[in-house]
Amino acid sequence: MEYAFFSVAPGTNIYVATYTVDNTPPVITSVAAVVNANGTATITWTTDELTDSRVDYGTLSGSLTPLNTSNGSLATSHSITLSGLAPLTVYYFRVTSKDLLNNATTEPIPASAPLTFCHA
C-alpha cells in the first residue's frame, strides 16, 4: 500500500488532490518481421509504455482472423513468433498492444493496408 502526503499551509485545512484518467493509447514503433528457415516468422515492435502483445495475421489482406498469437505479459519490447507457416506464401499482419487500462493501438491502423512478409 502506498500513501500520499500533502503539505498544508498553517491555519488551513484545505487539501487538493487531482486525479486524471489515462485514456492515452500506447505508441507502437519499429514493427519488423523476420522470416526464419524453420517455418516460423518473428514479429517485433516497441511501445512507449508497458503493454501486452498481439499479432493478427493471415493469407488474405482483408481477413487477418482467426489467426492470431498473443502474449499477455506487459513489456515495451515485443516479440511474437508465428509458427506453422506455409512455404512460398505471402502473409499479412497487424500488431496490437493494450495497456493496463485497456487503451489499445493497432499498427498499421485497420483503415490502412496490413504489413506483409513472405515465407520462402
Protein backbone atom coordinates (compact mmCIF):
# COMPACT_ATOMS: atom_id res chain seq x y z
CA MET A 1 0.00 0.00 0.00
CA GLU A 2 1.24 3.49 -0.84
CA TYR A 3 0.30 6.73 0.89
CA ALA A 4 0.32 10.28 -0.44
CA PHE A 5 1.32 13.19 1.79
CA PHE A 6 0.27 16.78 1.14
CA SER A 7 1.67 19.97 2.59
CA VAL A 8 -0.89 22.33 4.13
CA ALA A 9 -0.35 25.99 4.92
CA PRO A 10 -0.52 26.69 8.67
CA GLY A 11 -4.02 27.58 9.84
CA THR A 12 -5.83 25.94 6.88
CA ASN A 13 -7.41 22.56 6.41
CA ILE A 14 -7.56 22.62 2.64
CA TYR A 15 -6.20 19.68 0.75
CA VAL A 16 -6.43 19.44 -3.01
CA ALA A 17 -5.80 16.19 -4.87
CA THR A 18 -6.21 15.97 -8.62
CA TYR A 19 -6.66 12.70 -10.44
CA THR A 20 -6.64 12.18 -14.17
CA VAL A 21 -7.79 9.24 -16.23
CA ASP A 22 -5.25 7.63 -18.54
CA ASN A 23 -7.07 7.32 -21.84
CA THR A 24 -3.97 7.70 -23.99
CA PRO A 25 -3.23 4.65 -26.13
CA PRO A 26 0.32 3.35 -26.39
CA VAL A 27 2.52 4.38 -29.31
CA ILE A 28 3.81 1.50 -31.46
CA THR A 29 7.09 1.89 -33.37
CA SER A 30 9.71 -0.19 -35.17
CA VAL A 31 7.45 -3.01 -36.38
CA ALA A 32 9.51 -5.65 -38.20
CA ALA A 33 9.13 -9.22 -39.46
CA VAL A 34 11.99 -11.71 -39.70
CA VAL A 35 11.31 -14.93 -41.58
CA ASN A 36 13.11 -17.94 -40.11
CA ALA A 37 14.19 -21.05 -42.00
CA ASN A 38 12.26 -23.37 -39.66
CA GLY A 39 8.78 -22.39 -40.88
CA THR A 40 8.31 -19.53 -38.43
CA ALA A 41 8.42 -15.75 -38.53
CA THR A 42 9.25 -13.43 -35.65
CA ILE A 43 7.34 -10.16 -35.42
CA THR A 44 8.91 -7.45 -33.23
CA TRP A 45 7.94 -3.93 -32.18
CA THR A 46 8.29 -1.44 -29.37
CA THR A 47 5.81 0.61 -27.33
CA ASP A 48 6.24 3.73 -25.23
CA GLU A 49 4.62 2.11 -22.17
CA LEU A 50 4.07 -1.34 -20.71
CA THR A 51 1.56 -3.27 -22.86
CA ASP A 52 0.59 -6.76 -23.90
CA SER A 53 1.33 -8.13 -27.39
CA ARG A 54 -0.85 -9.50 -30.17
CA VAL A 55 -0.32 -10.28 -33.85
CA ASP A 56 -3.26 -10.90 -36.18
CA TYR A 57 -2.21 -12.50 -39.45
CA GLY A 58 -3.44 -14.38 -42.46
CA THR A 59 -3.00 -15.02 -46.17
CA LEU A 60 -5.75 -12.59 -47.24
CA SER A 61 -5.16 -8.89 -46.64
CA GLY A 62 -8.81 -8.28 -45.78
CA SER A 63 -9.12 -11.17 -43.34
CA LEU A 64 -6.48 -11.45 -40.62
CA THR A 65 -8.59 -13.52 -38.27
CA PRO A 66 -9.00 -16.04 -36.78
CA LEU A 67 -5.21 -16.43 -36.93
CA ASN A 68 -3.56 -14.60 -34.05
CA THR A 69 -0.88 -15.12 -31.46
CA SER A 70 -0.67 -13.12 -28.25
CA ASN A 71 1.31 -12.68 -25.07
CA GLY A 72 -0.34 -11.14 -22.00
CA SER A 73 2.95 -10.24 -20.31
CA LEU A 74 3.49 -6.50 -20.09
CA ALA A 75 6.57 -5.15 -21.89
CA THR A 76 7.85 -2.28 -24.03
CA SER A 77 9.88 -4.55 -26.33
CA HIS A 78 7.65 -7.12 -28.01
CA SER A 79 8.42 -10.34 -29.89
CA ILE A 80 5.87 -12.86 -31.15
CA THR A 81 6.83 -15.96 -33.12
CA LEU A 82 4.32 -17.26 -35.67
CA SER A 83 4.63 -20.97 -36.41
CA GLY A 84 3.26 -23.44 -38.93
CA LEU A 85 3.67 -21.07 -41.87
CA ALA A 86 3.21 -22.45 -45.38
CA PRO A 87 6.19 -22.16 -47.72
CA LEU A 88 6.09 -19.71 -50.65
CA THR A 89 3.18 -17.85 -49.09
CA VAL A 90 2.62 -14.14 -48.53
CA TYR A 91 1.30 -13.34 -45.04
CA TYR A 92 -0.39 -10.11 -43.97
CA PHE A 93 -0.26 -8.90 -40.38
CA ARG A 94 -1.02 -6.19 -37.84
CA VAL A 95 0.25 -5.79 -34.30
CA THR A 96 -1.85 -4.62 -31.36
CA SER A 97 -0.73 -3.54 -27.91
CA LYS A 98 -3.02 -2.75 -24.96
CA ASP A 99 -2.03 -1.16 -21.65
CA LEU A 100 -3.37 -1.97 -18.18
CA LEU A 101 -6.31 0.41 -18.63
CA ASN A 102 -7.34 -1.23 -21.93
CA ASN A 103 -6.08 1.63 -24.11
CA ALA A 104 -5.12 -0.14 -27.32
CA THR A 105 -3.30 0.70 -30.53
CA THR A 106 -3.09 -1.32 -33.74
CA GLU A 107 -0.33 -0.81 -36.30
CA PRO A 108 -0.95 -0.28 -39.10
CA ILE A 109 -4.38 1.13 -38.33
CA PRO A 110 -7.21 -1.05 -39.66
CA ALA A 111 -8.11 1.54 -42.33
CA SER A 112 -4.64 1.07 -43.86
CA ALA A 113 -3.21 -1.92 -45.68
CA PRO A 114 -1.60 -4.51 -43.37
CA LEU A 115 2.14 -5.21 -43.35
CA THR A 116 3.46 -8.26 -45.22
CA PHE A 117 6.17 -10.88 -45.21
CA CYS A 118 6.76 -13.86 -47.48
CA HIS A 119 7.68 -17.24 -46.10
CA ALA A 120 10.08 -18.65 -48.68
